[in-house]
């Protein structure tokens, strides 16, 4: 596993409105990253947080579950270099997102549901 200090710390926040609208900020909480995602299910939000290293203990799992129940929340992620570079540039939907895993046809990024 890569050294945790070599990972990029970014803030992932989400809210539910016509799907789960998800965005990313740099660690300074001011600079947005260019990628925004929309998921149809809360399970995809949970999977993204898990792949991004945001679920570190039972308390973080419970906090995420509560945020999803409330319909909004955020968490810091620790991303690999590859995951981070994918967030820095917009990509076509045809490419699969390595951060969230394969995206089913019902979960298109950028606010477009298929």
Foldseek 3Di string as FASTA:
>chain_A
DDDLVQFFKKKWKWFDDVFIKIWIAHPVVPHTAPWIWGFRDLVLVVLLCVLQQFCDDPVSVVVSVVQVVVGIDMTIGGHHPVLVVPRNDDDDQVDARPSSGGHPQQTTTPPDGD
